[in-house]
């Protein structure tokens, strides 16, 4: 999930400060969201995706 957020951020072509602004967080928080070595709770990752115009979709399929 975190890798998807990082890839979306790269594709969006915005700065960390822009992401933080759209999330309503400070830049330090955005930096942690984009750091693959820092664990981040799902709601914050969902918020980051929403700030970039994306949404998380989870589904269940037959095995």
PDB file of N, CA and C in Angstrom:
ATOM      1  N   UNK A   1       0.825  -1.188   0.000  1.00  0.00           N
ATOM      2  CA  UNK A   1       0.000   0.000   0.000  1.00  0.00           C
ATOM      3  C   UNK A   1       0.872   1.256   0.000  1.00  0.00           C
ATOM      4  N   UNK A   2       1.892   1.235   0.814  1.00  0.00           N
ATOM      5  CA  UNK A   2       2.762   2.405   0.911  1.00  0.00           C
ATOM      6  C   UNK A   2       3.469   2.660  -0.417  1.00  0.00           C
ATOM      7  N   UNK A   3       3.882   1.583  -1.087  1.00  0.00           N
ATOM      8  CA  UNK A   3       4.545   1.731  -2.387  1.00  0.00           C
ATOM      9  C   UNK A   3       3.579   2.371  -3.384  1.00  0.00           C
ATOM     10  N   UNK A   4       2.310   2.012  -3.327  1.00  0.00           N
ATOM     11  CA  UNK A   4       1.312   2.615  -4.216  1.00  0.00           C
ATOM     12  C   UNK A   4       1.198   4.118  -3.962  1.00  0.00           C
ATOM     13  N   UNK A   5       1.260   4.526  -2.710  1.00  0.00           N
ATOM     14  CA  UNK A   5       1.206   5.955  -2.377  1.00  0.00           C
ATOM     15  C   UNK A   5       2.439   6.672  -2.930  1.00  0.00           C
ATOM     16  N   UNK A   6       3.605   6.056  -2.754  1.00  0.00           N
ATOM     17  CA  UNK A   6       4.845   6.667  -3.243  1.00  0.00           C
ATOM     18  C   UNK A   6       4.822   6.787  -4.766  1.00  0.00           C
ATOM     19  N   UNK A   7       4.376   5.742  -5.458  1.00  0.00           N
ATOM     20  CA  UNK A   7       4.295   5.786  -6.918  1.00  0.00           C
ATOM     21  C   UNK A   7       3.289   6.839  -7.384  1.00  0.00           C
ATOM     22  N   UNK A   8       2.166   6.930  -6.699  1.00  0.00           N
ATOM     23  CA  UNK A   8       1.158   7.937  -7.042  1.00  0.00           C
ATOM     24  C   UNK A   8       1.720   9.336  -6.853  1.00  0.00           C
ATOM     25  N   UNK A   9       2.482   9.526  -5.785  1.00  0.00           N
ATOM     26  CA  UNK A   9       3.114  10.822  -5.522  1.00  0.00           C
ATOM     27  C   UNK A   9       4.071  11.190  -6.657  1.00  0.00           C
ATOM     28  N   UNK A  10       4.878  10.244  -7.081  1.00  0.00           N
ATOM     29  CA  UNK A  10       5.826  10.509  -8.180  1.00  0.00           C
ATOM     30  C   UNK A  10       5.093  10.859  -9.468  1.00  0.00           C
ATOM     31  N   UNK A  11       4.011  10.139  -9.751  1.00  0.00           N
ATOM     32  CA  UNK A  11       3.223  10.406 -10.960  1.00  0.00           C
ATOM     33  C   UNK A  11       2.516  11.755 -10.889  1.00  0.00           C
ATOM     34  N   UNK A  12       2.134  12.168  -9.682  1.00  0.00           N
ATOM     35  CA  UNK A  12       1.392  13.422  -9.522  1.00  0.00           C
ATOM     36  C   UNK A  12       2.254  14.641  -9.822  1.00  0.00           C
ATOM     37  N   UNK A  13       3.561  14.506  -9.654  1.00  0.00           N
ATOM     38  CA  UNK A  13       4.458  15.620  -9.944  1.00  0.00           C
ATOM     39  C   UNK A  13       4.291  16.813  -9.022  1.00  0.00           C
ATOM     40  N   UNK A  14       3.923  16.553  -7.776  1.00  0.00           N
ATOM     41  CA  UNK A  14       3.768  17.639  -6.804  1.00  0.00           C
ATOM     42  C   UNK A  14       4.889  17.551  -5.777  1.00  0.00           C
ATOM     43  N   UNK A  15       5.063  18.599  -5.008  1.00  0.00           N
ATOM     44  CA  UNK A  15       6.089  18.604  -3.967  1.00  0.00           C
ATOM     45  C   UNK A  15       5.521  18.016  -2.675  1.00  0.00           C
ATOM     46  N   UNK A  16       6.425  17.677  -1.760  1.00  0.00           N
ATOM     47  CA  UNK A  16       5.972  17.183  -0.456  1.00  0.00           C
ATOM     48  C   UNK A  16       5.162  18.235   0.279  1.00  0.00           C
ATOM     49  N   UNK A  17       5.553  19.497   0.137  1.00  0.00           N
ATOM     50  CA  UNK A  17       4.794  20.548   0.824  1.00  0.00           C
ATOM     51  C   UNK A  17       3.394  20.691   0.237  1.00  0.00           C
ATOM     52  N   UNK A  18       3.254  20.502  -1.062  1.00  0.00           N
ATOM     53  CA  UNK A  18       1.914  20.536  -1.678  1.00  0.00           C
ATOM     54  C   UNK A  18       1.072  19.374  -1.168  1.00  0.00           C
ATOM     55  N   UNK A  19       1.673  18.189  -1.099  1.00  0.00           N
ATOM     56  CA  UNK A  19       0.950  17.027  -0.586  1.00  0.00           C
ATOM     57  C   UNK A  19       0.505  17.285   0.847  1.00  0.00           C
ATOM     58  N   UNK A  20       1.419  17.782   1.660  1.00  0.00           N
ATOM     59  CA  UNK A  20       1.096  18.070   3.061  1.00  0.00           C
ATOM     60  C   UNK A  20      -0.058  19.071   3.162  1.00  0.00           C
ATOM     61  N   UNK A  21      -0.014  20.098   2.337  1.00  0.00           N
ATOM     62  CA  UNK A  21      -1.068  21.117   2.348  1.00  0.00           C
ATOM     63  C   UNK A  21      -2.426  20.490   2.016  1.00  0.00           C
ATOM     64  N   UNK A  22      -2.472  19.657   0.981  1.00  0.00           N
ATOM     65  CA  UNK A  22      -3.729  19.020   0.574  1.00  0.00           C
ATOM     66  C   UNK A  22      -4.229  18.011   1.619  1.00  0.00           C
ATOM     67  N   UNK A  23      -3.287  17.458   2.386  1.00  0.00           N
ATOM     68  CA  UNK A  23      -3.667  16.516   3.442  1.00  0.00           C
ATOM     69  C   UNK A  23      -4.047  17.230   4.737  1.00  0.00           C
ATOM     70  N   UNK A  24      -3.721  18.525   4.841  1.00  0.00           N
ATOM     71  CA  UNK A  24      -3.966  19.249   6.078  1.00  0.00           C
ATOM     72  C   UNK A  24      -2.959  18.895   7.160  1.00  0.00           C
ATOM     73  N   UNK A  25      -1.743  18.492   6.738  1.00  0.00           N
ATOM     74  CA  UNK A  25      -0.679  18.094   7.657  1.00  0.00           C
ATOM     75  C   UNK A  25       0.543  18.957   7.396  1.00  0.00           C
ATOM     76  N   UNK A  26       1.545  18.846   8.276  1.00  0.00           N
ATOM     77  CA  UNK A  26       2.785  19.570   8.014  1.00  0.00           C
ATOM     78  C   UNK A  26       3.691  18.731   7.108  1.00  0.00           C
ATOM     79  N   UNK A  27       4.726  19.366   6.577  1.00  0.00           N
ATOM     80  CA  UNK A  27       5.591  18.680   5.615  1.00  0.00           C
ATOM     81  C   UNK A  27       6.309  17.487   6.240  1.00  0.00           C
ATOM     82  N   UNK A  28       6.592  17.572   7.528  1.00  0.00           N
ATOM     83  CA  UNK A  28       7.249  16.462   8.225  1.00  0.00           C
ATOM     84  C   UNK A  28       6.389  15.203   8.141  1.00  0.00           C
ATOM     85  N   UNK A  29       5.092  15.355   8.301  1.00  0.00           N
ATOM     86  CA  UNK A  29       4.162  14.221   8.221  1.00  0.00           C
ATOM     87  C   UNK A  29       4.144  13.647   6.801  1.00  0.00           C
ATOM     88  N   UNK A  30       4.130  14.517   5.799  1.00  0.00           N
ATOM     89  CA  UNK A  30       4.147  14.057   4.407  1.00  0.00           C
ATOM     90  C   UNK A  30       5.439  13.307   4.116  1.00  0.00           C
ATOM     91  N   UNK A  31       6.536  13.779   4.656  1.00  0.00           N
ATOM     92  CA  UNK A  31       7.824  13.110   4.465  1.00  0.00           C
ATOM     93  C   UNK A  31       7.785  11.692   5.034  1.00  0.00           C
ATOM     94  N   UNK A  32       7.170  11.536   6.208  1.00  0.00           N
ATOM     95  CA  UNK A  32       7.067  10.206   6.813  1.00  0.00           C
ATOM     96  C   UNK A  32       6.160   9.292   6.000  1.00  0.00           C
ATOM     97  N   UNK A  33       5.078   9.847   5.465  1.00  0.00           N
ATOM     98  CA  UNK A  33       4.166   9.050   4.629  1.00  0.00           C
ATOM     99  C   UNK A  33       4.897   8.509   3.405  1.00  0.00           C
ATOM    100  N   UNK A  34       5.826   9.286   2.871  1.00  0.00           N
ATOM    101  CA  UNK A  34       6.535   8.904   1.650  1.00  0.00           C
ATOM    102  C   UNK A  34       7.827   8.136   1.913  1.00  0.00           C
ATOM    103  N   UNK A  35       8.147   7.884   3.173  1.00  0.00           N
ATOM    104  CA  UNK A  35       9.361   7.152   3.526  1.00  0.00           C
ATOM    105  C   UNK A  35       9.025   5.665   3.647  1.00  0.00           C
ATOM    106  N   UNK A  36       9.563   4.822   2.760  1.00  0.00           N
ATOM    107  CA  UNK A  36       9.224   3.398   2.811  1.00  0.00           C
ATOM    108  C   UNK A  36       9.721   2.693   4.076  1.00  0.00           C
ATOM    109  N   UNK A  37      10.634   3.301   4.804  1.00  0.00           N
ATOM    110  CA  UNK A  37      11.163   2.691   6.023  1.00  0.00           C
ATOM    111  C   UNK A  37      10.385   3.066   7.278  1.00  0.00           C
ATOM    112  N   UNK A  38       9.377   3.920   7.135  1.00  0.00           N
ATOM    113  CA  UNK A  38       8.561   4.349   8.273  1.00  0.00           C
ATOM    114  C   UNK A  38       7.169   3.755   8.108  1.00  0.00           C
ATOM    115  N   UNK A  39       6.704   3.028   9.125  1.00  0.00           N
ATOM    116  CA  UNK A  39       5.359   2.451   9.012  1.00  0.00           C
ATOM    117  C   UNK A  39       4.315   3.553   9.193  1.00  0.00           C
ATOM    118  N   UNK A  40       3.242   3.437   8.427  1.00  0.00           N
ATOM    119  CA  UNK A  40       2.176   4.441   8.423  1.00  0.00           C
ATOM    120  C   UNK A  40       0.838   3.730   8.498  1.00  0.00           C
ATOM    121  N   UNK A  41      -0.052   4.258   9.315  1.00  0.00           N
ATOM    122  CA  UNK A  41      -1.374   3.648   9.453  1.00  0.00           C
ATOM    123  C   UNK A  41      -2.205   3.882   8.194  1.00  0.00           C
ATOM    124  N   UNK A  42      -3.078   2.931   7.922  1.00  0.00           N
ATOM    125  CA  UNK A  42      -3.891   2.951   6.706  1.00  0.00           C
ATOM    126  C   UNK A  42      -4.681   4.245   6.509  1.00  0.00           C
ATOM    127  N   UNK A  43      -5.329   4.800   7.537  1.00  0.00           N
ATOM    128  CA  UNK A  43      -6.091   6.036   7.308  1.00  0.00           C
ATOM    129  C   UNK A  43      -5.241   7.191   6.770  1.00  0.00           C
ATOM    130  N   UNK A  44      -3.998   7.278   7.204  1.00  0.00           N
ATOM    131  CA  UNK A  44      -3.127   8.342   6.717  1.00  0.00           C
ATOM    132  C   UNK A  44      -2.729   8.097   5.261  1.00  0.00           C
ATOM    133  N   UNK A  45      -2.512   6.835   4.891  1.00  0.00           N
ATOM    134  CA  UNK A  45      -2.212   6.504   3.500  1.00  0.00           C
ATOM    135  C   UNK A  45      -3.416   6.811   2.606  1.00  0.00           C
ATOM    136  N   UNK A  46      -4.609   6.504   3.093  1.00  0.00           N
ATOM    137  CA  UNK A  46      -5.834   6.809   2.349  1.00  0.00           C
ATOM    138  C   UNK A  46      -5.975   8.319   2.181  1.00  0.00           C
ATOM    139  N   UNK A  47      -5.645   9.072   3.216  1.00  0.00           N
ATOM    140  CA  UNK A  47      -5.699  10.529   3.152  1.00  0.00           C
ATOM    141  C   UNK A  47      -4.719  11.071   2.117  1.00  0.00           C
ATOM    142  N   UNK A  48      -3.528  10.487   2.058  1.00  0.00           N
ATOM    143  CA  UNK A  48      -2.531  10.922   1.077  1.00  0.00           C
ATOM    144  C   UNK A  48      -3.030  10.656  -0.341  1.00  0.00           C
ATOM    145  N   UNK A  49      -3.609   9.482  -0.550  1.00  0.00           N
ATOM    146  CA  UNK A  49      -4.152   9.168  -1.876  1.00  0.00           C
ATOM    147  C   UNK A  49      -5.274  10.144  -2.251  1.00  0.00           C
ATOM    148  N   UNK A  50      -6.143  10.422  -1.309  1.00  0.00           N
ATOM    149  CA  UNK A  50      -7.253  11.355  -1.564  1.00  0.00           C
ATOM    150  C   UNK A  50      -6.727  12.737  -1.910  1.00  0.00           C
ATOM    151  N   UNK A  51      -5.648  13.145  -1.256  1.00  0.00           N
ATOM    152  CA  UNK A  51      -5.043  14.457  -1.525  1.00  0.00           C
ATOM    153  C   UNK A  51      -4.500  14.534  -2.946  1.00  0.00           C
ATOM    154  N   UNK A  52      -4.233  13.360  -3.540  1.00  0.00           N
ATOM    155  CA  UNK A  52      -3.722  13.320  -4.914  1.00  0.00           C
ATOM    156  C   UNK A  52      -4.790  12.889  -5.907  1.00  0.00           C
ATOM    157  N   UNK A  53      -6.053  12.923  -5.467  1.00  0.00           N
ATOM    158  CA  UNK A  53      -7.163  12.622  -6.365  1.00  0.00           C
ATOM    159  C   UNK A  53      -7.371  11.142  -6.633  1.00  0.00           C
ATOM    160  N   UNK A  54      -6.911  10.299  -5.730  1.00  0.00           N
ATOM    161  CA  UNK A  54      -7.067   8.848  -5.880  1.00  0.00           C
ATOM    162  C   UNK A  54      -7.794   8.293  -4.673  1.00  0.00           C
ATOM    163  N   UNK A  55      -8.298   7.066  -4.809  1.00  0.00           N
ATOM    164  CA  UNK A  55      -8.932   6.413  -3.673  1.00  0.00           C
ATOM    165  C   UNK A  55      -8.506   4.956  -3.631  1.00  0.00           C
ATOM    166  N   UNK A  56      -8.502   4.409  -2.450  1.00  0.00           N
ATOM    167  CA  UNK A  56      -8.137   3.022  -2.242  1.00  0.00           C
ATOM    168  C   UNK A  56      -9.361   2.152  -2.477  1.00  0.00           C
ATOM    169  N   UNK A  57      -9.198   1.104  -3.271  1.00  0.00           N
ATOM    170  CA  UNK A  57     -10.276   0.153  -3.524  1.00  0.00           C
ATOM    171  C   UNK A  57      -9.741  -1.229  -3.148  1.00  0.00           C
ATOM    172  N   UNK A  58     -10.443  -1.892  -2.257  1.00  0.00           N
ATOM    173  CA  UNK A  58     -10.052  -3.236  -1.810  1.00  0.00           C
ATOM    174  C   UNK A  58     -11.184  -4.182  -2.185  1.00  0.00           C
ATOM    175  N   UNK A  59     -10.828  -5.321  -2.721  1.00  0.00           N
ATOM    176  CA  UNK A  59     -11.851  -6.264  -3.107  1.00  0.00           C
ATOM    177  C   UNK A  59     -11.433  -7.687  -2.783  1.00  0.00           C
ATOM    178  N   UNK A  60     -12.390  -8.588  -2.872  1.00  0.00           N
ATOM    179  CA  UNK A  60     -12.143  -9.997  -2.650  1.00  0.00           C
ATOM    180  C   UNK A  60     -12.549 -10.739  -3.919  1.00  0.00           C
ATOM    181  N   UNK A  61     -11.661 -11.617  -4.363  1.00  0.00           N
ATOM    182  CA  UNK A  61     -11.908 -12.387  -5.582  1.00  0.00           C
ATOM    183  C   UNK A  61     -11.743 -13.869  -5.270  1.00  0.00           C
ATOM    184  N   UNK A  62     -12.356 -14.711  -6.094  1.00  0.00           N
ATOM    185  CA  UNK A  62     -12.144 -16.154  -5.900  1.00  0.00           C
ATOM    186  C   UNK A  62     -10.689 -16.529  -6.073  1.00  0.00           C
ATOM    187  N   UNK A  63     -10.241 -17.502  -5.317  1.00  0.00           N
ATOM    188  CA  UNK A  63      -8.848 -17.953  -5.402  1.00  0.00           C
ATOM    189  C   UNK A  63      -8.670 -18.885  -6.589  1.00  0.00           C
TER     190      UNK A  63
END
